Amino acid sequence: MRQQLREKIIRVCNDKIAQKGETVGLSFYAFFANRNDDPELLMEAAEWWIRTHKLDHFEKAVKIRTMIEQQQ
């Protein structure tokens, strides 16, 4: 996963956790605007979320942030 996406995911997770608390859930769509302005990045996130890690549609932001931070 490219660094740009990793940083974006961590930033969004941190923002959501700060706004709604440690139990907030999100989907990989949370990392993108409503309009599909970067399809390559969207597909990279979907690949990581769905195929690589087989995550549910909604996951806890804390879990996702930890996974990204631990990934090399």
PDB file of N, CA and C in Angstrom:
ATOM      1  N   MET A   1       0.847  -1.176   0.000  1.00  0.00           N
ATOM      2  CA  MET A   1       0.000   0.000   0.000  1.00  0.00           C
ATOM      3  C   MET A   1       0.892   1.238   0.000  1.00  0.00           C
ATOM      4  N   ARG A   2       0.567   2.157  -0.869  1.00  0.00           N
ATOM      5  CA  ARG A   2       1.402   3.364  -0.952  1.00  0.00           C
ATOM      6  C   ARG A   2       1.245   4.245   0.284  1.00  0.00           C
ATOM      7  N   GLN A   3       2.295   4.974   0.572  1.00  0.00           N
ATOM      8  CA  GLN A   3       2.373   5.815   1.769  1.00  0.00           C
ATOM      9  C   GLN A   3       1.240   6.837   1.827  1.00  0.00           C
ATOM     10  N   GLN A   4       0.891   7.420   0.696  1.00  0.00           N
ATOM     11  CA  GLN A   4      -0.189   8.412   0.629  1.00  0.00           C
ATOM     12  C   GLN A   4      -1.485   7.841   1.189  1.00  0.00           C
ATOM     13  N   LEU A   5      -1.804   6.614   0.828  1.00  0.00           N
ATOM     14  CA  LEU A   5      -3.037   5.982   1.302  1.00  0.00           C
ATOM     15  C   LEU A   5      -2.931   5.632   2.784  1.00  0.00           C
ATOM     16  N   ARG A   6      -1.800   5.121   3.204  1.00  0.00           N
ATOM     17  CA  ARG A   6      -1.591   4.805   4.622  1.00  0.00           C
ATOM     18  C   ARG A   6      -1.819   6.040   5.494  1.00  0.00           C
ATOM     19  N   GLU A   7      -1.223   7.155   5.092  1.00  0.00           N
ATOM     20  CA  GLU A   7      -1.354   8.397   5.858  1.00  0.00           C
ATOM     21  C   GLU A   7      -2.802   8.882   5.889  1.00  0.00           C
ATOM     22  N   LYS A   8      -3.484   8.765   4.763  1.00  0.00           N
ATOM     23  CA  LYS A   8      -4.881   9.187   4.675  1.00  0.00           C
ATOM     24  C   LYS A   8      -5.762   8.331   5.587  1.00  0.00           C
ATOM     25  N   ILE A   9      -5.545   7.028   5.581  1.00  0.00           N
ATOM     26  CA  ILE A   9      -6.336   6.130   6.426  1.00  0.00           C
ATOM     27  C   ILE A   9      -6.128   6.451   7.900  1.00  0.00           C
ATOM     28  N   ILE A  10      -4.904   6.632   8.311  1.00  0.00           N
ATOM     29  CA  ILE A  10      -4.607   6.958   9.713  1.00  0.00           C
ATOM     30  C   ILE A  10      -5.237   8.290  10.094  1.00  0.00           C
ATOM     31  N   ARG A  11      -5.129   9.280   9.223  1.00  0.00           N
ATOM     32  CA  ARG A  11      -5.705  10.599   9.491  1.00  0.00           C
ATOM     33  C   ARG A  11      -7.233  10.513   9.649  1.00  0.00           C
ATOM     34  N   VAL A  12      -7.892   9.813   8.739  1.00  0.00           N
ATOM     35  CA  VAL A  12      -9.348   9.684   8.807  1.00  0.00           C
ATOM     36  C   VAL A  12      -9.759   8.910  10.060  1.00  0.00           C
ATOM     37  N   CYS A  13      -9.064   7.835  10.359  1.00  0.00           N
ATOM     38  CA  CYS A  13      -9.370   7.074  11.576  1.00  0.00           C
ATOM     39  C   CYS A  13      -9.220   7.951  12.812  1.00  0.00           C
ATOM     40  N   ASN A  14      -8.129   8.690  12.899  1.00  0.00           N
ATOM     41  CA  ASN A  14      -7.917   9.576  14.045  1.00  0.00           C
ATOM     42  C   ASN A  14      -9.028  10.613  14.161  1.00  0.00           C
ATOM     43  N   ASP A  15      -9.430  11.198  13.031  1.00  0.00           N
ATOM     44  CA  ASP A  15     -10.500  12.198  13.036  1.00  0.00           C
ATOM     45  C   ASP A  15     -11.820  11.596  13.507  1.00  0.00           C
ATOM     46  N   LYS A  16     -12.169  10.424  12.978  1.00  0.00           N
ATOM     47  CA  LYS A  16     -13.430   9.771  13.350  1.00  0.00           C
ATOM     48  C   LYS A  16     -13.433   9.385  14.824  1.00  0.00           C
ATOM     49  N   ILE A  17     -12.316   8.870  15.316  1.00  0.00           N
ATOM     50  CA  ILE A  17     -12.201   8.488  16.725  1.00  0.00           C
ATOM     51  C   ILE A  17     -12.338   9.724  17.617  1.00  0.00           C
ATOM     52  N   ALA A  18     -11.696  10.815  17.223  1.00  0.00           N
ATOM     53  CA  ALA A  18     -11.781  12.055  18.006  1.00  0.00           C
ATOM     54  C   ALA A  18     -13.214  12.597  18.031  1.00  0.00           C
ATOM     55  N   GLN A  19     -13.931  12.459  16.920  1.00  0.00           N
ATOM     56  CA  GLN A  19     -15.299  12.983  16.822  1.00  0.00           C
ATOM     57  C   GLN A  19     -16.320  12.103  17.543  1.00  0.00           C
ATOM     58  N   LYS A  20     -16.178  10.775  17.378  1.00  0.00           N
ATOM     59  CA  LYS A  20     -17.254   9.880  17.807  1.00  0.00           C
ATOM     60  C   LYS A  20     -16.847   8.844  18.844  1.00  0.00           C
ATOM     61  N   GLY A  21     -15.584   8.816  19.217  1.00  0.00           N
ATOM     62  CA  GLY A  21     -15.144   7.891  20.250  1.00  0.00           C
ATOM     63  C   GLY A  21     -14.506   6.623  19.701  1.00  0.00           C
ATOM     64  N   GLU A  22     -13.958   5.855  20.620  1.00  0.00           N
ATOM     65  CA  GLU A  22     -13.170   4.659  20.295  1.00  0.00           C
ATOM     66  C   GLU A  22     -13.975   3.541  19.650  1.00  0.00           C
ATOM     67  N   THR A  23     -15.284   3.586  19.749  1.00  0.00           N
ATOM     68  CA  THR A  23     -16.096   2.496  19.207  1.00  0.00           C
ATOM     69  C   THR A  23     -16.621   2.781  17.804  1.00  0.00           C
ATOM     70  N   VAL A  24     -16.248   3.907  17.225  1.00  0.00           N
ATOM     71  CA  VAL A  24     -16.768   4.272  15.904  1.00  0.00           C
ATOM     72  C   VAL A  24     -16.298   3.276  14.844  1.00  0.00           C
ATOM     73  N   GLY A  25     -17.233   2.925  13.977  1.00  0.00           N
ATOM     74  CA  GLY A  25     -16.925   2.042  12.858  1.00  0.00           C
ATOM     75  C   GLY A  25     -16.900   2.821  11.558  1.00  0.00           C
ATOM     76  N   LEU A  26     -16.238   2.262  10.565  1.00  0.00           N
ATOM     77  CA  LEU A  26     -16.201   2.882   9.257  1.00  0.00           C
ATOM     78  C   LEU A  26     -15.951   1.836   8.186  1.00  0.00           C
ATOM     79  N   SER A  27     -16.210   2.217   6.946  1.00  0.00           N
ATOM     80  CA  SER A  27     -15.906   1.351   5.812  1.00  0.00           C
ATOM     81  C   SER A  27     -14.771   1.995   5.035  1.00  0.00           C
ATOM     82  N   PHE A  28     -14.237   1.292   4.051  1.00  0.00           N
ATOM     83  CA  PHE A  28     -13.129   1.875   3.298  1.00  0.00           C
ATOM     84  C   PHE A  28     -13.577   3.082   2.472  1.00  0.00           C
ATOM     85  N   TYR A  29     -14.871   3.226   2.260  1.00  0.00           N
ATOM     86  CA  TYR A  29     -15.380   4.408   1.554  1.00  0.00           C
ATOM     87  C   TYR A  29     -15.156   5.686   2.357  1.00  0.00           C
ATOM     88  N   ALA A  30     -14.959   5.577   3.658  1.00  0.00           N
ATOM     89  CA  ALA A  30     -14.745   6.757   4.506  1.00  0.00           C
ATOM     90  C   ALA A  30     -13.481   7.520   4.124  1.00  0.00           C
ATOM     91  N   PHE A  31     -12.596   6.877   3.393  1.00  0.00           N
ATOM     92  CA  PHE A  31     -11.326   7.506   3.030  1.00  0.00           C
ATOM     93  C   PHE A  31     -11.398   8.290   1.727  1.00  0.00           C
ATOM     94  N   PHE A  32     -12.604   8.375   1.144  1.00  0.00           N
ATOM     95  CA  PHE A  32     -12.757   8.996  -0.167  1.00  0.00           C
ATOM     96  C   PHE A  32     -13.948   9.936  -0.195  1.00  0.00           C
ATOM     97  N   ALA A  33     -13.888  10.905  -1.089  1.00  0.00           N
ATOM     98  CA  ALA A  33     -15.005  11.829  -1.301  1.00  0.00           C
ATOM     99  C   ALA A  33     -16.142  11.058  -1.966  1.00  0.00           C
ATOM    100  N   ASN A  34     -17.326  11.627  -1.947  1.00  0.00           N
ATOM    101  CA  ASN A  34     -18.464  10.968  -2.574  1.00  0.00           C
ATOM    102  C   ASN A  34     -18.256  10.758  -4.064  1.00  0.00           C
ATOM    103  N   ARG A  35     -17.475  11.574  -4.658  1.00  0.00           N
ATOM    104  CA  ARG A  35     -17.232  11.392  -6.071  1.00  0.00           C
ATOM    105  C   ARG A  35     -15.930  10.635  -6.257  1.00  0.00           C
ATOM    106  N   ASN A  36     -15.909   9.799  -7.232  1.00  0.00           N
ATOM    107  CA  ASN A  36     -14.775   8.913  -7.468  1.00  0.00           C
ATOM    108  C   ASN A  36     -13.682   9.659  -8.235  1.00  0.00           C
ATOM    109  N   ASP A  37     -12.911  10.487  -7.513  1.00  0.00           N
ATOM    110  CA  ASP A  37     -11.900  11.308  -8.160  1.00  0.00           C
ATOM    111  C   ASP A  37     -10.528  10.637  -8.241  1.00  0.00           C
ATOM    112  N   ASP A  38     -10.364   9.491  -7.605  1.00  0.00           N
ATOM    113  CA  ASP A  38      -9.095   8.756  -7.683  1.00  0.00           C
ATOM    114  C   ASP A  38      -9.382   7.252  -7.676  1.00  0.00           C
ATOM    115  N   PRO A  39      -9.835   6.708  -8.806  1.00  0.00           N
ATOM    116  CA  PRO A  39     -10.237   5.296  -8.837  1.00  0.00           C
ATOM    117  C   PRO A  39      -9.105   4.325  -8.504  1.00  0.00           C
ATOM    118  N   GLU A  40      -7.883   4.645  -8.857  1.00  0.00           N
ATOM    119  CA  GLU A  40      -6.753   3.761  -8.544  1.00  0.00           C
ATOM    120  C   GLU A  40      -6.559   3.631  -7.032  1.00  0.00           C
ATOM    121  N   LEU A  41      -6.620   4.747  -6.340  1.00  0.00           N
ATOM    122  CA  LEU A  41      -6.456   4.731  -4.882  1.00  0.00           C
ATOM    123  C   LEU A  41      -7.627   4.015  -4.218  1.00  0.00           C
ATOM    124  N   LEU A  42      -8.835   4.242  -4.724  1.00  0.00           N
ATOM    125  CA  LEU A  42     -10.019   3.555  -4.206  1.00  0.00           C
ATOM    126  C   LEU A  42      -9.883   2.047  -4.359  1.00  0.00           C
ATOM    127  N   MET A  43      -9.435   1.602  -5.518  1.00  0.00           N
ATOM    128  CA  MET A  43      -9.268   0.165  -5.749  1.00  0.00           C
ATOM    129  C   MET A  43      -8.162  -0.421  -4.875  1.00  0.00           C
ATOM    130  N   GLU A  44      -7.134   0.355  -4.630  1.00  0.00           N
ATOM    131  CA  GLU A  44      -6.056  -0.104  -3.743  1.00  0.00           C
ATOM    132  C   GLU A  44      -6.584  -0.307  -2.322  1.00  0.00           C
ATOM    133  N   ALA A  45      -7.408   0.619  -1.855  1.00  0.00           N
ATOM    134  CA  ALA A  45      -8.004   0.485  -0.522  1.00  0.00           C
ATOM    135  C   ALA A  45      -8.961  -0.700  -0.476  1.00  0.00           C
ATOM    136  N   ALA A  46      -9.756  -0.853  -1.511  1.00  0.00           N
ATOM    137  CA  ALA A  46     -10.707  -1.970  -1.568  1.00  0.00           C
ATOM    138  C   ALA A  46      -9.969  -3.308  -1.584  1.00  0.00           C
ATOM    139  N   GLU A  47      -8.920  -3.395  -2.347  1.00  0.00           N
ATOM    140  CA  GLU A  47      -8.109  -4.622  -2.416  1.00  0.00           C
ATOM    141  C   GLU A  47      -7.570  -4.975  -1.031  1.00  0.00           C
ATOM    142  N   TRP A  48      -7.000  -3.982  -0.351  1.00  0.00           N
ATOM    143  CA  TRP A  48      -6.432  -4.201   0.979  1.00  0.00           C
ATOM    144  C   TRP A  48      -7.532  -4.624   1.949  1.00  0.00           C
ATOM    145  N   TRP A  49      -8.662  -3.962   1.914  1.00  0.00           N
ATOM    146  CA  TRP A  49      -9.757  -4.181   2.862  1.00  0.00           C
ATOM    147  C   TRP A  49     -10.459  -5.512   2.610  1.00  0.00           C
ATOM    148  N   ILE A  50     -10.812  -5.762   1.344  1.00  0.00           N
ATOM    149  CA  ILE A  50     -11.669  -6.902   1.010  1.00  0.00           C
ATOM    150  C   ILE A  50     -10.873  -8.168   0.702  1.00  0.00           C
ATOM    151  N   ARG A  51      -9.976  -8.097  -0.237  1.00  0.00           N
ATOM    152  CA  ARG A  51      -9.259  -9.306  -0.668  1.00  0.00           C
ATOM    153  C   ARG A  51      -8.135  -9.702   0.279  1.00  0.00           C
ATOM    154  N   THR A  52      -7.322  -8.732   0.670  1.00  0.00           N
ATOM    155  CA  THR A  52      -6.154  -9.058   1.494  1.00  0.00           C
ATOM    156  C   THR A  52      -6.548  -9.450   2.918  1.00  0.00           C
ATOM    157  N   HIS A  53      -7.423  -8.654   3.537  1.00  0.00           N
ATOM    158  CA  HIS A  53      -7.739  -8.880   4.953  1.00  0.00           C
ATOM    159  C   HIS A  53      -9.138  -9.424   5.217  1.00  0.00           C
ATOM    160  N   LYS A  54      -9.956  -9.511   4.169  1.00  0.00           N
ATOM    161  CA  LYS A  54     -11.304 -10.078   4.289  1.00  0.00           C
ATOM    162  C   LYS A  54     -12.099  -9.454   5.445  1.00  0.00           C
ATOM    163  N   LEU A  55     -12.045  -8.145   5.520  1.00  0.00           N
ATOM    164  CA  LEU A  55     -12.731  -7.417   6.582  1.00  0.00           C
ATOM    165  C   LEU A  55     -14.211  -7.268   6.263  1.00  0.00           C
ATOM    166  N   ASP A  56     -15.018  -7.085   7.303  1.00  0.00           N
ATOM    167  CA  ASP A  56     -16.437  -6.803   7.132  1.00  0.00           C
ATOM    168  C   ASP A  56     -16.596  -5.413   6.523  1.00  0.00           C
ATOM    169  N   HIS A  57     -17.823  -5.121   6.072  1.00  0.00           N
ATOM    170  CA  HIS A  57     -18.062  -3.814   5.458  1.00  0.00           C
ATOM    171  C   HIS A  57     -17.725  -2.690   6.432  1.00  0.00           C
ATOM    172  N   PHE A  58     -18.174  -2.808   7.686  1.00  0.00           N
ATOM    173  CA  PHE A  58     -17.835  -1.829   8.712  1.00  0.00           C
ATOM    174  C   PHE A  58     -16.907  -2.481   9.730  1.00  0.00           C
ATOM    175  N   GLU A  59     -15.859  -1.758  10.073  1.00  0.00           N
ATOM    176  CA  GLU A  59     -14.895  -2.195  11.088  1.00  0.00           C
ATOM    177  C   GLU A  59     -14.611  -1.027  12.017  1.00  0.00           C
ATOM    178  N   LYS A  60     -14.138  -1.317  13.196  1.00  0.00           N
ATOM    179  CA  LYS A  60     -13.779  -0.267  14.149  1.00  0.00           C
ATOM    180  C   LYS A  60     -12.582   0.521  13.616  1.00  0.00           C
ATOM    181  N   ALA A  61     -12.652   1.831  13.714  1.00  0.00           N
ATOM    182  CA  ALA A  61     -11.565   2.692  13.247  1.00  0.00           C
ATOM    183  C   ALA A  61     -10.270   2.389  13.995  1.00  0.00           C
ATOM    184  N   VAL A  62     -10.385   2.067  15.275  1.00  0.00           N
ATOM    185  CA  VAL A  62      -9.204   1.740  16.082  1.00  0.00           C
ATOM    186  C   VAL A  62      -8.493   0.510  15.498  1.00  0.00           C
ATOM    187  N   LYS A  63      -9.255  -0.489  15.107  1.00  0.00           N
ATOM    188  CA  LYS A  63      -8.693  -1.712  14.525  1.00  0.00           C
ATOM    189  C   LYS A  63      -7.966  -1.410  13.212  1.00  0.00           C
ATOM    190  N   ILE A  64      -8.603  -0.631  12.351  1.00  0.00           N
ATOM    191  CA  ILE A  64      -8.008  -0.307  11.054  1.00  0.00           C
ATOM    192  C   ILE A  64      -6.730   0.496  11.246  1.00  0.00           C
ATOM    193  N   ARG A  65      -6.769   1.489  12.119  1.00  0.00           N
ATOM    194  CA  ARG A  65      -5.575   2.309  12.376  1.00  0.00           C
ATOM    195  C   ARG A  65      -4.427   1.436  12.874  1.00  0.00           C
ATOM    196  N   THR A  66      -4.712   0.534  13.785  1.00  0.00           N
ATOM    197  CA  THR A  66      -3.679  -0.350  14.319  1.00  0.00           C
ATOM    198  C   THR A  66      -3.104  -1.251  13.220  1.00  0.00           C
ATOM    199  N   MET A  67      -3.965  -1.789  12.375  1.00  0.00           N
ATOM    200  CA  MET A  67      -3.497  -2.643  11.278  1.00  0.00           C
ATOM    201  C   MET A  67      -2.560  -1.873  10.353  1.00  0.00           C
ATOM    202  N   ILE A  68      -2.927  -0.650  10.016  1.00  0.00           N
ATOM    203  CA  ILE A  68      -2.104   0.155   9.112  1.00  0.00           C
ATOM    204  C   ILE A  68      -0.781   0.511   9.774  1.00  0.00           C
ATOM    205  N   GLU A  69      -0.832   0.900  11.038  1.00  0.00           N
ATOM    206  CA  GLU A  69       0.396   1.276  11.748  1.00  0.00           C
ATOM    207  C   GLU A  69       1.360   0.115  11.888  1.00  0.00           C
ATOM    208  N   GLN A  70       0.850  -1.101  11.997  1.00  0.00           N
ATOM    209  CA  GLN A  70       1.699  -2.279  12.169  1.00  0.00           C
ATOM    210  C   GLN A  70       2.215  -2.839  10.840  1.00  0.00           C
ATOM    211  N   GLN A  71       1.610  -2.407   9.757  1.00  0.00           N
ATOM    212  CA  GLN A  71       1.991  -2.908   8.436  1.00  0.00           C
ATOM    213  C   GLN A  71       3.284  -2.240   7.982  1.00  0.00           C
ATOM    214  N   GLN A  72       4.132  -3.017   7.388  1.00  0.00           N
ATOM    215  CA  GLN A  72       5.402  -2.491   6.866  1.00  0.00           C
ATOM    216  C   GLN A  72       5.246  -1.887   5.505  1.00  0.00           C
TER     217      GLN A  72
END
